[in-house]
C-alpha atoms as a PDB file:
ATOM      1  CA  MET A   1      21.917  -7.350  70.736  1.00  0.00           C
ATOM      2  CA  THR A   2      24.794  -8.634  72.785  1.00  0.00           C
ATOM      3  CA  ALA A   3      25.944  -7.073  76.036  1.00  0.00           C
ATOM      4  CA  CYS A   4      28.375  -4.821  74.156  1.00  0.00           C
ATOM      5  CA  GLY A   5      25.707  -3.552  71.741  1.00  0.00           C
ATOM      6  CA  LEU A   6      26.499  -5.690  68.695  1.00  0.00           C
ATOM      7  CA  VAL A   7      23.926  -7.665  66.749  1.00  0.00           C
ATOM      8  CA  SER A   8      24.609 -11.416  67.072  1.00  0.00           C
ATOM      9  CA  VAL A   9      25.510 -13.288  63.905  1.00  0.00           C
ATOM     10  CA  ASP A  10      22.380 -15.479  64.034  1.00  0.00           C
ATOM     11  CA  ARG A  11      20.116 -12.422  64.167  1.00  0.00           C
ATOM     12  CA  TYR A  12      22.011 -10.370  61.564  1.00  0.00           C
ATOM     13  CA  SER A  13      19.804 -11.285  58.577  1.00  0.00           C
ATOM     14  CA  GLN A  14      16.625 -10.410  60.515  1.00  0.00           C
ATOM     15  CA  TRP A  15      18.169  -7.141  61.634  1.00  0.00           C
ATOM     16  CA  ARG A  16      19.431  -6.303  58.122  1.00  0.00           C
ATOM     17  CA  GLU A  17      16.005  -6.907  56.598  1.00  0.00           C
ATOM     18  CA  LYS A  18      14.296  -4.717  59.219  1.00  0.00           C
ATOM     19  CA  TRP A  19      16.801  -1.858  58.956  1.00  0.00           C
ATOM     20  CA  SER A  20      17.759  -2.124  55.262  1.00  0.00           C
ATOM     21  CA  ASN A  21      16.471   1.390  54.545  1.00  0.00           C
ATOM     22  CA  MET A  22      18.947   3.018  56.900  1.00  0.00           C
ATOM     23  CA  SER A  23      21.781   5.134  55.565  1.00  0.00           C
ATOM     24  CA  GLY A  24      24.549   2.794  56.656  1.00  0.00           C
ATOM     25  CA  HIS A  25      25.819   0.563  59.438  1.00  0.00           C
ATOM     26  CA  PHE A  26      28.878  -0.754  61.258  1.00  0.00           C
ATOM     27  CA  GLU A  27      30.175  -4.292  60.814  1.00  0.00           C
ATOM     28  CA  VAL A  28      32.606  -5.999  63.207  1.00  0.00           C
ATOM     29  CA  PHE A  29      34.877  -8.759  61.906  1.00  0.00           C
ATOM     30  CA  ALA A  30      37.843 -10.808  63.092  1.00  0.00           C
ATOM     31  CA  SER A  31      41.312  -9.600  62.124  1.00  0.00           C
ATOM     32  CA  SER A  32      43.798 -11.944  60.463  1.00  0.00           C
ATOM     33  CA  GLU A  33      46.352 -10.641  63.027  1.00  0.00           C
ATOM     34  CA  GLY A  34      44.076 -11.487  65.956  1.00  0.00           C
ATOM     35  CA  GLY A  35      41.564  -9.134  67.528  1.00  0.00           C
ATOM     36  CA  TYR A  36      38.775  -7.306  65.689  1.00  0.00           C
ATOM     37  CA  HIS A  37      38.201  -4.499  63.184  1.00  0.00           C
ATOM     38  CA  PHE A  38      35.046  -2.633  62.343  1.00  0.00           C
ATOM     39  CA  ARG A  39      33.897  -1.138  59.057  1.00  0.00           C
ATOM     40  CA  LEU A  40      31.445   1.661  58.405  1.00  0.00           C
ATOM     41  CA  LEU A  41      29.345   0.730  55.362  1.00  0.00           C
ATOM     42  CA  ASP A  42      26.994   2.909  53.331  1.00  0.00           C
ATOM     43  CA  SER A  43      23.419   1.855  52.552  1.00  0.00           C
ATOM     44  CA  ALA A  44      24.630  -0.117  49.483  1.00  0.00           C
ATOM     45  CA  GLY A  45      27.184  -2.033  51.589  1.00  0.00           C
ATOM     46  CA  ASN A  46      30.226  -0.136  50.262  1.00  0.00           C
ATOM     47  CA  PRO A  47      32.964   0.478  52.868  1.00  0.00           C
ATOM     48  CA  LEU A  48      33.446   4.080  53.919  1.00  0.00           C
ATOM     49  CA  ALA A  49      35.992   3.507  56.696  1.00  0.00           C
ATOM     50  CA  THR A  50      37.840   0.638  58.401  1.00  0.00           C
ATOM     51  CA  SER A  51      39.219   0.764  61.921  1.00  0.00           C
ATOM     52  CA  GLY A  52      42.510  -0.349  63.331  1.00  0.00           C
ATOM     53  CA  VAL A  53      42.723  -3.593  65.334  1.00  0.00           C
ATOM     54  CA  TYR A  54      40.967  -3.862  68.704  1.00  0.00           C
ATOM     55  CA  PRO A  55      41.854  -6.653  71.148  1.00  0.00           C
ATOM     56  CA  THR A  56      38.240  -7.593  71.947  1.00  0.00           C
ATOM     57  CA  ILE A  57      34.746  -7.229  70.498  1.00  0.00           C
ATOM     58  CA  ARG A  58      33.866  -5.024  73.469  1.00  0.00           C
ATOM     59  CA  ALA A  59      36.779  -2.704  72.619  1.00  0.00           C
ATOM     60  CA  ALA A  60      35.669  -2.573  68.975  1.00  0.00           C
ATOM     61  CA  ALA A  61      32.144  -1.659  70.127  1.00  0.00           C
ATOM     62  CA  ALA A  62      33.602   1.117  72.269  1.00  0.00           C
ATOM     63  CA  GLY A  63      35.475   2.375  69.190  1.00  0.00           C
ATOM     64  CA  ILE A  64      32.206   2.409  67.233  1.00  0.00           C
ATOM     65  CA  PHE A  65      30.509   4.450  69.936  1.00  0.00           C
ATOM     66  CA  THR A  66      33.424   6.918  69.882  1.00  0.00           C
ATOM     67  CA  VAL A  67      33.183   7.256  66.075  1.00  0.00           C
ATOM     68  CA  ARG A  68      29.435   7.897  66.397  1.00  0.00           C
ATOM     69  CA  GLU A  69      30.068  10.719  68.872  1.00  0.00           C
ATOM     70  CA  ILE A  70      32.867  12.317  66.851  1.00  0.00           C
ATOM     71  CA  ALA A  71      31.031  12.048  63.524  1.00  0.00           C
ATOM     72  CA  GLY A  72      28.176  14.197  64.785  1.00  0.00           C
ATOM     73  CA  THR A  73      30.269  16.983  66.267  1.00  0.00           C
ATOM     74  CA  GLY A  74      33.893  16.627  65.088  1.00  0.00           C
ATOM     75  CA  LEU A  75      35.666  19.435  63.297  1.00  0.00           C
ATOM     76  CA  ILE A  76      37.270  18.886  59.890  1.00  0.00           C
ATOM     77  CA  SER A  77      41.008  19.572  59.688  1.00  0.00           C
ATOM     78  CA  ASP A  78      42.387  19.933  56.150  1.00  0.00           C
ATOM     79  CA  LYS A  79      45.886  18.412  56.037  1.00  0.00           C
ATOM     80  CA  SER A  80      45.943  18.027  52.231  1.00  0.00           C
ATOM     81  CA  GLY A  81      48.113  21.074  51.586  1.00  0.00           C
ATOM     82  CA  ASP A  82      45.822  21.946  48.660  1.00  0.00           C
ATOM     83  CA  GLN A  83      45.602  25.744  48.364  1.00  0.00           C
ATOM     84  CA  ARG A  84      42.543  25.803  46.074  1.00  0.00           C
END
């Protein structure tokens, strides 16, 4: 793990093999516009959500920690307008 809580690239394959039975994980990647995004992937590697752009890896890691907190306790607000 790096200081900001991310798995380093050179250790990713070891980490993935050890934790491959988990329900999903976050992945941080460089943005084509500069900065970094993160994705939440399910256990099969399919993307569930992608973040906006963060200026640094540390900021992206902070965003991941915020998503973790909200996901466990956040309310659901239906803005679909569907009356069913």
